[in-house]
C-alpha atoms as a PDB file:
ATOM      1  CA  MET A   1     -25.840 -85.817 171.349  1.00  0.00           C
ATOM      2  CA  ALA A   2     -23.603 -87.099 168.870  1.00  0.00           C
ATOM      3  CA  LYS A   3     -23.363 -85.400 165.542  1.00  0.00           C
ATOM      4  CA  ALA A   4     -22.062 -85.919 162.696  1.00  0.00           C
ATOM      5  CA  MET A   5     -21.269 -84.304 159.143  1.00  0.00           C
ATOM      6  CA  LEU A   6     -23.128 -85.627 156.139  1.00  0.00           C
ATOM      7  CA  VAL A   7     -21.766 -85.107 152.227  1.00  0.00           C
ATOM      8  CA  VAL A   8     -24.906 -86.111 150.083  1.00  0.00           C
ATOM      9  CA  LYS A   9     -24.071 -86.040 146.374  1.00  0.00           C
ATOM     10  CA  ILE A  10     -26.588 -85.328 144.056  1.00  0.00           C
ATOM     11  CA  MET A  11     -27.060 -86.094 140.573  1.00  0.00           C
ATOM     12  CA  PRO A  12     -29.843 -84.586 138.305  1.00  0.00           C
ATOM     13  CA  ASP A  13     -31.911 -85.905 135.292  1.00  0.00           C
ATOM     14  CA  SER A  14     -30.542 -84.101 132.502  1.00  0.00           C
ATOM     15  CA  THR A  15     -28.257 -80.601 131.729  1.00  0.00           C
ATOM     16  CA  ASP A  16     -32.417 -79.055 131.139  1.00  0.00           C
ATOM     17  CA  VAL A  17     -32.644 -79.548 135.286  1.00  0.00           C
ATOM     18  CA  ASP A  18     -32.592 -76.014 136.956  1.00  0.00           C
ATOM     19  CA  LEU A  19     -29.768 -76.531 139.677  1.00  0.00           C
ATOM     20  CA  VAL A  20     -31.373 -72.967 141.664  1.00  0.00           C
ATOM     21  CA  SER A  21     -34.522 -74.782 142.143  1.00  0.00           C
ATOM     22  CA  LEU A  22     -32.988 -78.163 142.905  1.00  0.00           C
ATOM     23  CA  GLU A  23     -30.763 -76.729 145.247  1.00  0.00           C
ATOM     24  CA  GLY A  24     -33.924 -75.095 146.869  1.00  0.00           C
ATOM     25  CA  ARG A  25     -35.764 -78.607 146.813  1.00  0.00           C
ATOM     26  CA  VAL A  26     -32.838 -80.324 148.608  1.00  0.00           C
ATOM     27  CA  ARG A  27     -32.493 -78.271 150.808  1.00  0.00           C
ATOM     28  CA  ASP A  28     -36.154 -78.376 152.305  1.00  0.00           C
ATOM     29  CA  VAL A  29     -35.940 -82.230 152.186  1.00  0.00           C
ATOM     30  CA  ILE A  30     -32.419 -82.001 154.433  1.00  0.00           C
ATOM     31  CA  LEU A  31     -34.805 -79.745 156.910  1.00  0.00           C
ATOM     32  CA  GLU A  32     -37.292 -82.201 156.800  1.00  0.00           C
ATOM     33  CA  ILE A  33     -35.342 -84.613 157.972  1.00  0.00           C
ATOM     34  CA  TYR A  34     -32.815 -83.266 160.104  1.00  0.00           C
ATOM     35  CA  GLY A  35     -34.266 -80.473 161.251  1.00  0.00           C
ATOM     36  CA  GLU A  36     -32.443 -77.713 162.131  1.00  0.00           C
ATOM     37  CA  VAL A  37     -29.009 -78.622 160.476  1.00  0.00           C
ATOM     38  CA  GLY A  38     -27.001 -74.959 160.735  1.00  0.00           C
ATOM     39  CA  GLU A  39     -25.504 -74.278 157.902  1.00  0.00           C
ATOM     40  CA  ILE A  40     -26.109 -75.932 154.748  1.00  0.00           C
ATOM     41  CA  ARG A  41     -23.057 -76.002 152.595  1.00  0.00           C
ATOM     42  CA  LYS A  42     -23.562 -76.500 148.311  1.00  0.00           C
ATOM     43  CA  GLU A  43     -20.536 -77.014 146.198  1.00  0.00           C
ATOM     44  CA  GLU A  44     -20.712 -77.725 141.962  1.00  0.00           C
ATOM     45  CA  GLU A  45     -19.063 -80.698 140.655  1.00  0.00           C
ATOM     46  CA  PRO A  46     -18.583 -80.807 136.770  1.00  0.00           C
ATOM     47  CA  ILE A  47     -19.349 -84.192 135.357  1.00  0.00           C
ATOM     48  CA  GLY A  48     -19.045 -83.996 131.797  1.00  0.00           C
ATOM     49  CA  PHE A  49     -21.286 -83.017 128.761  1.00  0.00           C
ATOM     50  CA  GLY A  50     -22.477 -80.001 130.445  1.00  0.00           C
ATOM     51  CA  LEU A  51     -24.162 -82.203 133.609  1.00  0.00           C
ATOM     52  CA  ILE A  52     -23.259 -80.311 136.887  1.00  0.00           C
ATOM     53  CA  ALA A  53     -23.621 -82.419 139.938  1.00  0.00           C
ATOM     54  CA  LEU A  54     -24.176 -80.572 143.165  1.00  0.00           C
ATOM     55  CA  LYS A  55     -22.673 -81.791 146.798  1.00  0.00           C
ATOM     56  CA  PHE A  56     -24.270 -80.747 149.818  1.00  0.00           C
ATOM     57  CA  THR A  57     -22.362 -80.469 153.349  1.00  0.00           C
ATOM     58  CA  PHE A  58     -24.257 -80.293 156.624  1.00  0.00           C
ATOM     59  CA  ILE A  59     -23.457 -81.252 160.533  1.00  0.00           C
ATOM     60  CA  MET A  60     -26.300 -83.251 161.722  1.00  0.00           C
ATOM     61  CA  ASP A  61     -27.971 -85.601 164.573  1.00  0.00           C
ATOM     62  CA  GLU A  62     -25.934 -88.870 164.262  1.00  0.00           C
ATOM     63  CA  THR A  63     -28.718 -91.276 165.412  1.00  0.00           C
ATOM     64  CA  ILE A  64     -30.854 -90.668 163.012  1.00  0.00           C
ATOM     65  CA  GLY A  65     -29.033 -91.761 160.241  1.00  0.00           C
ATOM     66  CA  SER A  66     -28.234 -91.282 156.818  1.00  0.00           C
ATOM     67  CA  ASP A  67     -30.376 -93.785 154.672  1.00  0.00           C
ATOM     68  CA  ALA A  68     -33.524 -91.604 154.765  1.00  0.00           C
ATOM     69  CA  ILE A  69     -31.622 -89.154 153.589  1.00  0.00           C
ATOM     70  CA  GLU A  70     -31.436 -91.229 150.427  1.00  0.00           C
ATOM     71  CA  ALA A  71     -34.581 -92.104 149.797  1.00  0.00           C
ATOM     72  CA  ALA A  72     -35.980 -89.118 150.314  1.00  0.00           C
ATOM     73  CA  LEU A  73     -34.036 -87.552 148.207  1.00  0.00           C
ATOM     74  CA  ALA A  74     -34.983 -90.479 145.135  1.00  0.00           C
ATOM     75  CA  GLU A  75     -38.778 -88.651 144.832  1.00  0.00           C
ATOM     76  CA  VAL A  76     -37.346 -85.634 144.456  1.00  0.00           C
ATOM     77  CA  ASP A  77     -38.289 -84.429 140.776  1.00  0.00           C
ATOM     78  CA  GLY A  78     -35.532 -83.659 138.576  1.00  0.00           C
ATOM     79  CA  ILE A  79     -33.307 -86.330 140.605  1.00  0.00           C
ATOM     80  CA  GLY A  80     -31.576 -88.930 138.806  1.00  0.00           C
ATOM     81  CA  ASN A  81     -29.216 -89.909 141.267  1.00  0.00           C
ATOM     82  CA  ALA A  82     -28.714 -89.656 145.744  1.00  0.00           C
ATOM     83  CA  GLN A  83     -26.089 -90.740 146.954  1.00  0.00           C
ATOM     84  CA  VAL A  84     -24.353 -89.870 150.807  1.00  0.00           C
ATOM     85  CA  VAL A  85     -20.724 -89.322 149.895  1.00  0.00           C
ATOM     86  CA  ASP A  86     -19.240 -88.983 153.229  1.00  0.00           C
ATOM     87  CA  PHE A  87     -20.244 -89.395 156.467  1.00  0.00           C
ATOM     88  CA  ARG A  88     -17.867 -89.538 159.618  1.00  0.00           C
ATOM     89  CA  ARG A  89     -18.338 -87.697 163.534  1.00  0.00           C
ATOM     90  CA  THR A  90     -17.359 -84.530 164.099  1.00  0.00           C
ATOM     91  CA  LEU A  91     -15.735 -83.116 167.438  1.00  0.00           C
ATOM     92  CA  GLY A  92     -16.913 -80.733 169.582  1.00  0.00           C
END
């Protein structure tokens, strides 16, 4: 079974979105789609005017692909946009 590293960038609807709550909802969606992925790393990226994007990096089974995560995250309250910004095979 091949593994891939996936990086998903989440843009909140507004600066009023609770990022801690949003992080929990995003983690739930990741685990729902990919199952146990091990460590999920989160990074905050300042965009401007107080808006902060969240980037989530994790290792997953590459046979599932990345389309499902974008579609599922688009339905989460508080997310304006979700985009896979990196998808690459991992070794080992």
